[in-house]
Amino acid sequence: MPLKADFHNRECLVPGKEGEIISKKGAVVDREQFERMKDEYYQLRGWDVESGLQTKATLEELILGDIAEELEAKRFLS
């Protein structure tokens, strides 16, 4: 589905590669490329790639063990 404009950014203006302002109105994202980038994003942050959820190990590494316990109880951890 093509990108649609919104009230605040009718032309879908974004910075281009060289810093110039370009319009992405009507642009379509390649699904396979998006999925690869999303998986890489999750992996770089130590999240579970399959579910997109944070892992207990990553939260504990960030000294957020207490948060990990709460999320685990609510099944929001992988």
PDB file of N, CA and C in Angstrom:
ATOM      1  N   MET A   1       0.845  -1.169   0.000  1.00  0.00           N
ATOM      2  CA  MET A   1       0.000   0.000   0.000  1.00  0.00           C
ATOM      3  C   MET A   1       0.898   1.243   0.000  1.00  0.00           C
ATOM      4  N   PRO A   2       0.654   2.172  -0.882  1.00  0.00           N
ATOM      5  CA  PRO A   2       1.472   3.384  -0.953  1.00  0.00           C
ATOM      6  C   PRO A   2       1.330   4.243   0.297  1.00  0.00           C
ATOM      7  N   LEU A   3       2.399   4.938   0.614  1.00  0.00           N
ATOM      8  CA  LEU A   3       2.405   5.858   1.746  1.00  0.00           C
ATOM      9  C   LEU A   3       1.441   6.989   1.481  1.00  0.00           C
ATOM     10  N   LYS A   4       0.600   7.277   2.461  1.00  0.00           N
ATOM     11  CA  LYS A   4      -0.371   8.365   2.333  1.00  0.00           C
ATOM     12  C   LYS A   4       0.073   9.547   3.181  1.00  0.00           C
ATOM     13  N   ALA A   5      -0.348  10.710   2.769  1.00  0.00           N
ATOM     14  CA  ALA A   5      -0.036  11.919   3.516  1.00  0.00           C
ATOM     15  C   ALA A   5      -0.889  11.985   4.775  1.00  0.00           C
ATOM     16  N   ASP A   6      -0.424  12.776   5.734  1.00  0.00           N
ATOM     17  CA  ASP A   6      -1.243  13.032   6.908  1.00  0.00           C
ATOM     18  C   ASP A   6      -1.419  14.539   7.048  1.00  0.00           C
ATOM     19  N   PHE A   7      -2.191  14.934   8.007  1.00  0.00           N
ATOM     20  CA  PHE A   7      -2.525  16.346   8.176  1.00  0.00           C
ATOM     21  C   PHE A   7      -1.290  17.220   8.381  1.00  0.00           C
ATOM     22  N   HIS A   8      -0.290  16.706   9.115  1.00  0.00           N
ATOM     23  CA  HIS A   8       0.880  17.506   9.465  1.00  0.00           C
ATOM     24  C   HIS A   8       1.985  17.482   8.406  1.00  0.00           C
ATOM     25  N   ASN A   9       1.972  16.495   7.539  1.00  0.00           N
ATOM     26  CA  ASN A   9       3.023  16.371   6.534  1.00  0.00           C
ATOM     27  C   ASN A   9       2.388  15.889   5.233  1.00  0.00           C
ATOM     28  N   ARG A  10       1.639  16.769   4.607  1.00  0.00           N
ATOM     29  CA  ARG A  10       0.833  16.407   3.435  1.00  0.00           C
ATOM     30  C   ARG A  10       1.655  15.858   2.274  1.00  0.00           C
ATOM     31  N   GLU A  11       2.885  16.269   2.135  1.00  0.00           N
ATOM     32  CA  GLU A  11       3.717  15.803   1.027  1.00  0.00           C
ATOM     33  C   GLU A  11       4.672  14.687   1.428  1.00  0.00           C
ATOM     34  N   CYS A  12       4.564  14.196   2.683  1.00  0.00           N
ATOM     35  CA  CYS A  12       5.434  13.119   3.184  1.00  0.00           C
ATOM     36  C   CYS A  12       6.907  13.484   2.988  1.00  0.00           C
ATOM     37  N   LEU A  13       7.272  14.690   3.390  1.00  0.00           N
ATOM     38  CA  LEU A  13       8.636  15.188   3.213  1.00  0.00           C
ATOM     39  C   LEU A  13       9.578  14.574   4.242  1.00  0.00           C
ATOM     40  N   VAL A  14      10.722  14.121   3.759  1.00  0.00           N
ATOM     41  CA  VAL A  14      11.751  13.518   4.603  1.00  0.00           C
ATOM     42  C   VAL A  14      13.114  13.952   4.094  1.00  0.00           C
ATOM     43  N   PRO A  15      14.159  13.863   4.943  1.00  0.00           N
ATOM     44  CA  PRO A  15      15.502  14.187   4.461  1.00  0.00           C
ATOM     45  C   PRO A  15      16.010  13.099   3.516  1.00  0.00           C
ATOM     46  N   GLY A  16      16.626  13.502   2.421  1.00  0.00           N
ATOM     47  CA  GLY A  16      17.216  12.562   1.470  1.00  0.00           C
ATOM     48  C   GLY A  16      18.633  12.191   1.871  1.00  0.00           C
ATOM     49  N   LYS A  17      19.307  11.434   1.018  1.00  0.00           N
ATOM     50  CA  LYS A  17      20.652  10.942   1.307  1.00  0.00           C
ATOM     51  C   LYS A  17      21.661  12.058   1.528  1.00  0.00           C
ATOM     52  N   GLU A  18      21.532  13.133   0.804  1.00  0.00           N
ATOM     53  CA  GLU A  18      22.464  14.258   0.922  1.00  0.00           C
ATOM     54  C   GLU A  18      21.898  15.379   1.792  1.00  0.00           C
ATOM     55  N   GLY A  19      20.822  15.101   2.507  1.00  0.00           N
ATOM     56  CA  GLY A  19      20.231  16.099   3.397  1.00  0.00           C
ATOM     57  C   GLY A  19      19.166  16.949   2.728  1.00  0.00           C
ATOM     58  N   GLU A  20      18.986  16.775   1.416  1.00  0.00           N
ATOM     59  CA  GLU A  20      17.948  17.531   0.721  1.00  0.00           C
ATOM     60  C   GLU A  20      16.579  17.001   1.139  1.00  0.00           C
ATOM     61  N   ILE A  21      15.577  17.831   1.038  1.00  0.00           N
ATOM     62  CA  ILE A  21      14.223  17.434   1.406  1.00  0.00           C
ATOM     63  C   ILE A  21      13.551  16.816   0.174  1.00  0.00           C
ATOM     64  N   ILE A  22      13.028  15.601   0.349  1.00  0.00           N
ATOM     65  CA  ILE A  22      12.342  14.925  -0.750  1.00  0.00           C
ATOM     66  C   ILE A  22      10.971  14.445  -0.282  1.00  0.00           C
ATOM     67  N   SER A  23      10.095  14.219  -1.248  1.00  0.00           N
ATOM     68  CA  SER A  23       8.753  13.713  -0.942  1.00  0.00           C
ATOM     69  C   SER A  23       8.731  12.204  -1.149  1.00  0.00           C
ATOM     70  N   LYS A  24       8.165  11.493  -0.183  1.00  0.00           N
ATOM     71  CA  LYS A  24       7.989  10.039  -0.284  1.00  0.00           C
ATOM     72  C   LYS A  24       6.512   9.692  -0.488  1.00  0.00           C
ATOM     73  N   LYS A  25       5.720  10.691  -0.841  1.00  0.00           N
ATOM     74  CA  LYS A  25       4.292  10.472  -1.036  1.00  0.00           C
ATOM     75  C   LYS A  25       4.087   9.437  -2.143  1.00  0.00           C
ATOM     76  N   GLY A  26       3.319   8.402  -1.841  1.00  0.00           N
ATOM     77  CA  GLY A  26       3.035   7.346  -2.803  1.00  0.00           C
ATOM     78  C   GLY A  26       4.096   6.256  -2.858  1.00  0.00           C
ATOM     79  N   ALA A  27       5.171   6.380  -2.055  1.00  0.00           N
ATOM     80  CA  ALA A  27       6.239   5.374  -2.062  1.00  0.00           C
ATOM     81  C   ALA A  27       5.718   4.052  -1.502  1.00  0.00           C
ATOM     82  N   VAL A  28       6.266   2.957  -1.996  1.00  0.00           N
ATOM     83  CA  VAL A  28       5.881   1.625  -1.546  1.00  0.00           C
ATOM     84  C   VAL A  28       7.131   0.928  -1.025  1.00  0.00           C
ATOM     85  N   VAL A  29       7.029   0.316   0.149  1.00  0.00           N
ATOM     86  CA  VAL A  29       8.154  -0.384   0.761  1.00  0.00           C
ATOM     87  C   VAL A  29       8.163  -1.832   0.288  1.00  0.00           C
ATOM     88  N   ASP A  30       9.337  -2.325  -0.092  1.00  0.00           N
ATOM     89  CA  ASP A  30       9.478  -3.720  -0.469  1.00  0.00           C
ATOM     90  C   ASP A  30       9.368  -4.576   0.785  1.00  0.00           C
ATOM     91  N   ARG A  31       8.414  -5.503   0.835  1.00  0.00           N
ATOM     92  CA  ARG A  31       8.128  -6.296   2.028  1.00  0.00           C
ATOM     93  C   ARG A  31       9.341  -7.116   2.462  1.00  0.00           C
ATOM     94  N   GLU A  32      10.031  -7.777   1.535  1.00  0.00           N
ATOM     95  CA  GLU A  32      11.188  -8.603   1.900  1.00  0.00           C
ATOM     96  C   GLU A  32      12.307  -7.761   2.498  1.00  0.00           C
ATOM     97  N   GLN A  33      12.564  -6.608   1.909  1.00  0.00           N
ATOM     98  CA  GLN A  33      13.599  -5.715   2.432  1.00  0.00           C
ATOM     99  C   GLN A  33      13.219  -5.221   3.829  1.00  0.00           C
ATOM    100  N   PHE A  34      11.951  -4.881   4.008  1.00  0.00           N
ATOM    101  CA  PHE A  34      11.475  -4.420   5.310  1.00  0.00           C
ATOM    102  C   PHE A  34      11.666  -5.499   6.371  1.00  0.00           C
ATOM    103  N   GLU A  35      11.294  -6.739   6.045  1.00  0.00           N
ATOM    104  CA  GLU A  35      11.424  -7.839   7.008  1.00  0.00           C
ATOM    105  C   GLU A  35      12.888  -8.084   7.376  1.00  0.00           C
ATOM    106  N   ARG A  36      13.784  -8.010   6.403  1.00  0.00           N
ATOM    107  CA  ARG A  36      15.220  -8.180   6.693  1.00  0.00           C
ATOM    108  C   ARG A  36      15.720  -7.073   7.622  1.00  0.00           C
ATOM    109  N   MET A  37      15.317  -5.841   7.337  1.00  0.00           N
ATOM    110  CA  MET A  37      15.740  -4.707   8.169  1.00  0.00           C
ATOM    111  C   MET A  37      15.168  -4.816   9.575  1.00  0.00           C
ATOM    112  N   LYS A  38      13.926  -5.259   9.678  1.00  0.00           N
ATOM    113  CA  LYS A  38      13.285  -5.421  10.993  1.00  0.00           C
ATOM    114  C   LYS A  38      14.006  -6.495  11.806  1.00  0.00           C
ATOM    115  N   ASP A  39      14.321  -7.615  11.167  1.00  0.00           N
ATOM    116  CA  ASP A  39      15.050  -8.684  11.857  1.00  0.00           C
ATOM    117  C   ASP A  39      16.414  -8.197  12.332  1.00  0.00           C
ATOM    118  N   GLU A  40      17.094  -7.436  11.491  1.00  0.00           N
ATOM    119  CA  GLU A  40      18.401  -6.905  11.875  1.00  0.00           C
ATOM    120  C   GLU A  40      18.273  -5.940  13.059  1.00  0.00           C
ATOM    121  N   TYR A  41      17.246  -5.111  13.039  1.00  0.00           N
ATOM    122  CA  TYR A  41      16.979  -4.170  14.128  1.00  0.00           C
ATOM    123  C   TYR A  41      16.803  -4.920  15.445  1.00  0.00           C
ATOM    124  N   TYR A  42      15.949  -5.961  15.437  1.00  0.00           N
ATOM    125  CA  TYR A  42      15.718  -6.749  16.640  1.00  0.00           C
ATOM    126  C   TYR A  42      17.006  -7.424  17.114  1.00  0.00           C
ATOM    127  N   GLN A  43      17.750  -7.986  16.184  1.00  0.00           N
ATOM    128  CA  GLN A  43      18.984  -8.694  16.527  1.00  0.00           C
ATOM    129  C   GLN A  43      20.006  -7.747  17.153  1.00  0.00           C
ATOM    130  N   LEU A  44      20.174  -6.566  16.592  1.00  0.00           N
ATOM    131  CA  LEU A  44      21.135  -5.596  17.121  1.00  0.00           C
ATOM    132  C   LEU A  44      20.793  -5.153  18.539  1.00  0.00           C
ATOM    133  N   ARG A  45      19.522  -5.188  18.895  1.00  0.00           N
ATOM    134  CA  ARG A  45      19.095  -4.771  20.230  1.00  0.00           C
ATOM    135  C   ARG A  45      18.972  -5.923  21.214  1.00  0.00           C
ATOM    136  N   GLY A  46      19.246  -7.129  20.739  1.00  0.00           N
ATOM    137  CA  GLY A  46      19.183  -8.291  21.618  1.00  0.00           C
ATOM    138  C   GLY A  46      17.771  -8.773  21.869  1.00  0.00           C
ATOM    139  N   TRP A  47      16.858  -8.470  20.957  1.00  0.00           N
ATOM    140  CA  TRP A  47      15.479  -8.898  21.076  1.00  0.00           C
ATOM    141  C   TRP A  47      15.296 -10.213  20.326  1.00  0.00           C
ATOM    142  N   ASP A  48      14.212 -10.906  20.607  1.00  0.00           N
ATOM    143  CA  ASP A  48      13.894 -12.126  19.899  1.00  0.00           C
ATOM    144  C   ASP A  48      13.416 -11.770  18.490  1.00  0.00           C
ATOM    145  N   VAL A  49      14.107 -12.285  17.480  1.00  0.00           N
ATOM    146  CA  VAL A  49      13.796 -11.929  16.096  1.00  0.00           C
ATOM    147  C   VAL A  49      12.419 -12.443  15.673  1.00  0.00           C
ATOM    148  N   GLU A  50      12.045 -13.619  16.122  1.00  0.00           N
ATOM    149  CA  GLU A  50      10.758 -14.203  15.722  1.00  0.00           C
ATOM    150  C   GLU A  50       9.557 -13.433  16.282  1.00  0.00           C
ATOM    151  N   SER A  51       9.625 -13.076  17.553  1.00  0.00           N
ATOM    152  CA  SER A  51       8.463 -12.436  18.187  1.00  0.00           C
ATOM    153  C   SER A  51       8.571 -10.915  18.256  1.00  0.00           C
ATOM    154  N   GLY A  52       9.791 -10.386  18.165  1.00  0.00           N
ATOM    155  CA  GLY A  52       9.988  -8.949  18.324  1.00  0.00           C
ATOM    156  C   GLY A  52       9.970  -8.509  19.779  1.00  0.00           C
ATOM    157  N   LEU A  53       9.906  -9.479  20.695  1.00  0.00           N
ATOM    158  CA  LEU A  53       9.880  -9.151  22.119  1.00  0.00           C
ATOM    159  C   LEU A  53      11.290  -9.044  22.684  1.00  0.00           C
ATOM    160  N   GLN A  54      11.424  -8.243  23.717  1.00  0.00           N
ATOM    161  CA  GLN A  54      12.697  -8.158  24.418  1.00  0.00           C
ATOM    162  C   GLN A  54      12.951  -9.487  25.112  1.00  0.00           C
ATOM    163  N   THR A  55      14.214  -9.755  25.376  1.00  0.00           N
ATOM    164  CA  THR A  55      14.543 -10.990  26.085  1.00  0.00           C
ATOM    165  C   THR A  55      14.916 -10.675  27.524  1.00  0.00           C
ATOM    166  N   LYS A  56      14.709 -11.637  28.380  1.00  0.00           N
ATOM    167  CA  LYS A  56      15.059 -11.474  29.786  1.00  0.00           C
ATOM    168  C   LYS A  56      16.554 -11.211  29.925  1.00  0.00           C
ATOM    169  N   ALA A  57      17.360 -11.933  29.156  1.00  0.00           N
ATOM    170  CA  ALA A  57      18.814 -11.775  29.224  1.00  0.00           C
ATOM    171  C   ALA A  57      19.240 -10.354  28.872  1.00  0.00           C
ATOM    172  N   THR A  58      18.626  -9.785  27.844  1.00  0.00           N
ATOM    173  CA  THR A  58      18.983  -8.418  27.445  1.00  0.00           C
ATOM    174  C   THR A  58      18.588  -7.416  28.523  1.00  0.00           C
ATOM    175  N   LEU A  59      17.411  -7.569  29.088  1.00  0.00           N
ATOM    176  CA  LEU A  59      16.983  -6.649  30.143  1.00  0.00           C
ATOM    177  C   LEU A  59      17.872  -6.774  31.377  1.00  0.00           C
ATOM    178  N   GLU A  60      18.250  -7.990  31.726  1.00  0.00           N
ATOM    179  CA  GLU A  60      19.140  -8.175  32.873  1.00  0.00           C
ATOM    180  C   GLU A  60      20.510  -7.576  32.599  1.00  0.00           C
ATOM    181  N   GLU A  61      20.968  -7.693  31.374  1.00  0.00           N
ATOM    182  CA  GLU A  61      22.252  -7.088  30.984  1.00  0.00           C
ATOM    183  C   GLU A  61      22.209  -5.571  31.126  1.00  0.00           C
ATOM    184  N   LEU A  62      21.043  -4.995  30.923  1.00  0.00           N
ATOM    185  CA  LEU A  62      20.852  -3.548  31.046  1.00  0.00           C
ATOM    186  C   LEU A  62      20.472  -3.135  32.472  1.00  0.00           C
ATOM    187  N   ILE A  63      20.611  -4.071  33.402  1.00  0.00           N
ATOM    188  CA  ILE A  63      20.277  -3.869  34.814  1.00  0.00           C
ATOM    189  C   ILE A  63      18.802  -3.494  34.970  1.00  0.00           C
ATOM    190  N   LEU A  64      17.968  -4.218  34.231  1.00  0.00           N
ATOM    191  CA  LEU A  64      16.524  -4.025  34.298  1.00  0.00           C
ATOM    192  C   LEU A  64      15.832  -5.333  34.666  1.00  0.00           C
ATOM    193  N   GLY A  65      16.460  -6.097  35.545  1.00  0.00           N
ATOM    194  CA  GLY A  65      15.921  -7.381  35.961  1.00  0.00           C
ATOM    195  C   GLY A  65      14.544  -7.286  36.569  1.00  0.00           C
ATOM    196  N   ASP A  66      14.289  -6.214  37.336  1.00  0.00           N
ATOM    197  CA  ASP A  66      12.969  -6.055  37.945  1.00  0.00           C
ATOM    198  C   ASP A  66      11.892  -5.842  36.884  1.00  0.00           C
ATOM    199  N   ILE A  67      12.233  -5.124  35.844  1.00  0.00           N
ATOM    200  CA  ILE A  67      11.303  -4.928  34.725  1.00  0.00           C
ATOM    201  C   ILE A  67      11.091  -6.264  34.008  1.00  0.00           C
ATOM    202  N   ALA A  68      12.175  -7.024  33.846  1.00  0.00           N
ATOM    203  CA  ALA A  68      12.092  -8.328  33.182  1.00  0.00           C
ATOM    204  C   ALA A  68      11.109  -9.239  33.913  1.00  0.00           C
ATOM    205  N   GLU A  69      11.151  -9.224  35.224  1.00  0.00           N
ATOM    206  CA  GLU A  69      10.245 -10.070  36.006  1.00  0.00           C
ATOM    207  C   GLU A  69       8.786  -9.676  35.773  1.00  0.00           C
ATOM    208  N   GLU A  70       8.517  -8.376  35.750  1.00  0.00           N
ATOM    209  CA  GLU A  70       7.147  -7.905  35.520  1.00  0.00           C
ATOM    210  C   GLU A  70       6.672  -8.282  34.116  1.00  0.00           C
ATOM    211  N   LEU A  71       7.530  -8.076  33.128  1.00  0.00           N
ATOM    212  CA  LEU A  71       7.156  -8.404  31.755  1.00  0.00           C
ATOM    213  C   LEU A  71       6.983  -9.904  31.562  1.00  0.00           C
ATOM    214  N   GLU A  72       7.816 -10.675  32.237  1.00  0.00           N
ATOM    215  CA  GLU A  72       7.719 -12.129  32.142  1.00  0.00           C
ATOM    216  C   GLU A  72       6.384 -12.613  32.731  1.00  0.00           C
ATOM    217  N   ALA A  73       5.975 -12.014  33.830  1.00  0.00           N
ATOM    218  CA  ALA A  73       4.706 -12.385  34.455  1.00  0.00           C
ATOM    219  C   ALA A  73       3.515 -12.081  33.529  1.00  0.00           C
ATOM    220  N   LYS A  74       3.664 -11.053  32.717  1.00  0.00           N
ATOM    221  CA  LYS A  74       2.600 -10.680  31.788  1.00  0.00           C
ATOM    222  C   LYS A  74       2.776 -11.329  30.407  1.00  0.00           C
ATOM    223  N   ARG A  75       3.784 -12.173  30.286  1.00  0.00           N
ATOM    224  CA  ARG A  75       4.115 -12.865  29.027  1.00  0.00           C
ATOM    225  C   ARG A  75       4.497 -11.898  27.920  1.00  0.00           C
ATOM    226  N   PHE A  76       5.206 -10.817  28.289  1.00  0.00           N
ATOM    227  CA  PHE A  76       5.686  -9.859  27.312  1.00  0.00           C
ATOM    228  C   PHE A  76       7.172  -9.997  27.068  1.00  0.00           C
ATOM    229  N   LEU A  77       7.727 -11.145  27.404  1.00  0.00           N
ATOM    230  CA  LEU A  77       9.142 -11.430  27.166  1.00  0.00           C
ATOM    231  C   LEU A  77       9.241 -12.684  26.327  1.00  0.00           C
ATOM    232  N   SER A  78      10.334 -12.738  25.595  1.00  0.00           N
ATOM    233  CA  SER A  78      10.570 -13.951  24.820  1.00  0.00           C
ATOM    234  C   SER A  78      11.509 -14.848  25.577  1.00  0.00           C
TER     235      SER A  78
END
